[in-house]
C-alpha atoms as a PDB file:
ATOM      1  CA  MET A   1      14.793 -25.338   4.906  1.00  0.00           C
ATOM      2  CA  GLY A   2      13.553 -25.529   1.350  1.00  0.00           C
ATOM      3  CA  MET A   3      12.061 -22.811  -0.772  1.00  0.00           C
ATOM      4  CA  ARG A   4       8.547 -24.132  -0.262  1.00  0.00           C
ATOM      5  CA  ALA A   5       8.937 -24.196   3.520  1.00  0.00           C
ATOM      6  CA  ALA A   6      10.268 -20.639   3.503  1.00  0.00           C
ATOM      7  CA  TYR A   7       7.277 -19.548   1.391  1.00  0.00           C
ATOM      8  CA  ARG A   8       4.863 -21.197   3.820  1.00  0.00           C
ATOM      9  CA  MET A   9       6.575 -19.637   6.813  1.00  0.00           C
ATOM     10  CA  THR A  10       6.488 -16.184   5.221  1.00  0.00           C
ATOM     11  CA  SER A  11       2.823 -16.617   4.316  1.00  0.00           C
ATOM     12  CA  ALA A  12       1.964 -17.710   7.852  1.00  0.00           C
ATOM     13  CA  VAL A  13       3.772 -14.730   9.380  1.00  0.00           C
ATOM     14  CA  LEU A  14       2.011 -12.311   7.007  1.00  0.00           C
ATOM     15  CA  LEU A  15      -1.394 -13.822   7.767  1.00  0.00           C
ATOM     16  CA  VAL A  16      -0.835 -13.542  11.505  1.00  0.00           C
ATOM     17  CA  ALA A  17       0.360  -9.939  11.120  1.00  0.00           C
ATOM     18  CA  LEU A  18      -2.636  -8.987   8.990  1.00  0.00           C
ATOM     19  CA  ALA A  19      -5.060 -10.652  11.405  1.00  0.00           C
ATOM     20  CA  GLY A  20      -4.086  -8.073  14.031  1.00  0.00           C
ATOM     21  CA  CYS A  21      -4.896  -5.171  11.694  1.00  0.00           C
ATOM     22  CA  THR A  22      -8.645  -5.180  12.008  1.00  0.00           C
ATOM     23  CA  VAL A  23     -10.467  -1.888  12.016  1.00  0.00           C
ATOM     24  CA  ALA A  24     -13.180  -1.469  14.616  1.00  0.00           C
ATOM     25  CA  PRO A  25     -15.866   1.123  13.987  1.00  0.00           C
ATOM     26  CA  ILE A  26     -15.595   4.280  16.051  1.00  0.00           C
ATOM     27  CA  LYS A  27     -18.276   4.687  18.667  1.00  0.00           C
ATOM     28  CA  PRO A  28     -20.100   8.026  18.862  1.00  0.00           C
ATOM     29  CA  TRP A  29     -18.682   8.805  22.308  1.00  0.00           C
ATOM     30  CA  GLN A  30     -15.130   8.199  21.031  1.00  0.00           C
ATOM     31  CA  ARG A  31     -15.385  10.848  18.312  1.00  0.00           C
ATOM     32  CA  ALA A  32     -14.702  13.635  20.802  1.00  0.00           C
ATOM     33  CA  HIS A  33     -11.231  12.215  21.448  1.00  0.00           C
ATOM     34  CA  LEU A  34     -10.454  12.119  17.730  1.00  0.00           C
ATOM     35  CA  ALA A  35     -11.723  15.675  17.203  1.00  0.00           C
ATOM     36  CA  SER A  36      -9.569  17.190  19.946  1.00  0.00           C
ATOM     37  CA  PRO A  37      -6.832  19.622  18.875  1.00  0.00           C
ATOM     38  CA  ALA A  38      -4.193  17.284  20.331  1.00  0.00           C
ATOM     39  CA  MET A  39      -5.001  14.746  17.591  1.00  0.00           C
ATOM     40  CA  ASP A  40      -4.281  17.252  14.814  1.00  0.00           C
ATOM     41  CA  TRP A  41      -1.279  16.611  12.563  1.00  0.00           C
ATOM     42  CA  ASP A  42      -0.127  20.196  12.874  1.00  0.00           C
ATOM     43  CA  MET A  43      -0.326  21.493  16.431  1.00  0.00           C
ATOM     44  CA  HIS A  44       0.319  25.094  15.321  1.00  0.00           C
ATOM     45  CA  PRO A  45      -1.241  25.659  11.874  1.00  0.00           C
ATOM     46  CA  LEU A  46      -0.060  29.274  11.592  1.00  0.00           C
ATOM     47  CA  THR A  47       3.505  28.331  12.417  1.00  0.00           C
ATOM     48  CA  GLY A  48       3.335  25.426   9.964  1.00  0.00           C
ATOM     49  CA  GLY A  49       2.229  27.724   7.163  1.00  0.00           C
ATOM     50  CA  TYR A  50       4.982  30.188   8.013  1.00  0.00           C
ATOM     51  CA  GLN A  51       7.604  27.435   8.048  1.00  0.00           C
ATOM     52  CA  GLN A  52       6.370  26.157   4.693  1.00  0.00           C
ATOM     53  CA  HIS A  53       6.588  29.656   3.222  1.00  0.00           C
ATOM     54  CA  ILE A  54      10.159  30.029   4.477  1.00  0.00           C
ATOM     55  CA  GLU A  55      11.101  26.646   3.035  1.00  0.00           C
ATOM     56  CA  VAL A  56       9.589  27.447  -0.347  1.00  0.00           C
ATOM     57  CA  SER A  57      11.221  30.887  -0.433  1.00  0.00           C
ATOM     58  CA  LYS A  58      14.689  29.972   0.746  1.00  0.00           C
ATOM     59  CA  GLU A  59      15.104  26.552  -0.822  1.00  0.00           C
ATOM     60  CA  ALA A  60      13.578  27.518  -4.195  1.00  0.00           C
ATOM     61  CA  ALA A  61      11.484  24.381  -4.012  1.00  0.00           C
ATOM     62  CA  SER A  62       7.778  23.780  -4.120  1.00  0.00           C
ATOM     63  CA  GLY A  63       6.441  21.803  -1.195  1.00  0.00           C
ATOM     64  CA  GLY A  64       3.567  20.314  -3.157  1.00  0.00           C
ATOM     65  CA  ASN A  65       1.341  23.310  -2.681  1.00  0.00           C
ATOM     66  CA  GLY A  66       1.503  24.490  -6.286  1.00  0.00           C
ATOM     67  CA  ILE A  67       3.526  27.684  -5.916  1.00  0.00           C
ATOM     68  CA  GLY A  68       7.057  28.196  -7.065  1.00  0.00           C
ATOM     69  CA  GLY A  69       9.690  29.795  -4.947  1.00  0.00           C
ATOM     70  CA  SER A  70      12.703  31.882  -5.723  1.00  0.00           C
ATOM     71  CA  ALA A  71      16.016  32.167  -3.968  1.00  0.00           C
ATOM     72  CA  CYS A  72      15.511  35.874  -3.272  1.00  0.00           C
ATOM     73  CA  GLY A  73      12.408  35.232  -1.135  1.00  0.00           C
ATOM     74  CA  CYS A  74      10.294  37.709  -3.089  1.00  0.00           C
ATOM     75  CA  ASN A  75       7.227  35.612  -3.839  1.00  0.00           C
END
């Protein structure tokens, strides 16, 4: 198989893969499913904030939230 044939095969596979990635508009009656708490990224927002605080304090690293941590946990 030549380089040109491999390029064509790769292009064909990518086109077929991208054809399946269409985005259909969300119907008004489907919005309730997307707004349910089960669809949230963080199921327990208070626990997530607490875990992030512990990580920032103990690891002396900033998790992208703009505050600096210290190893002593006194922030």
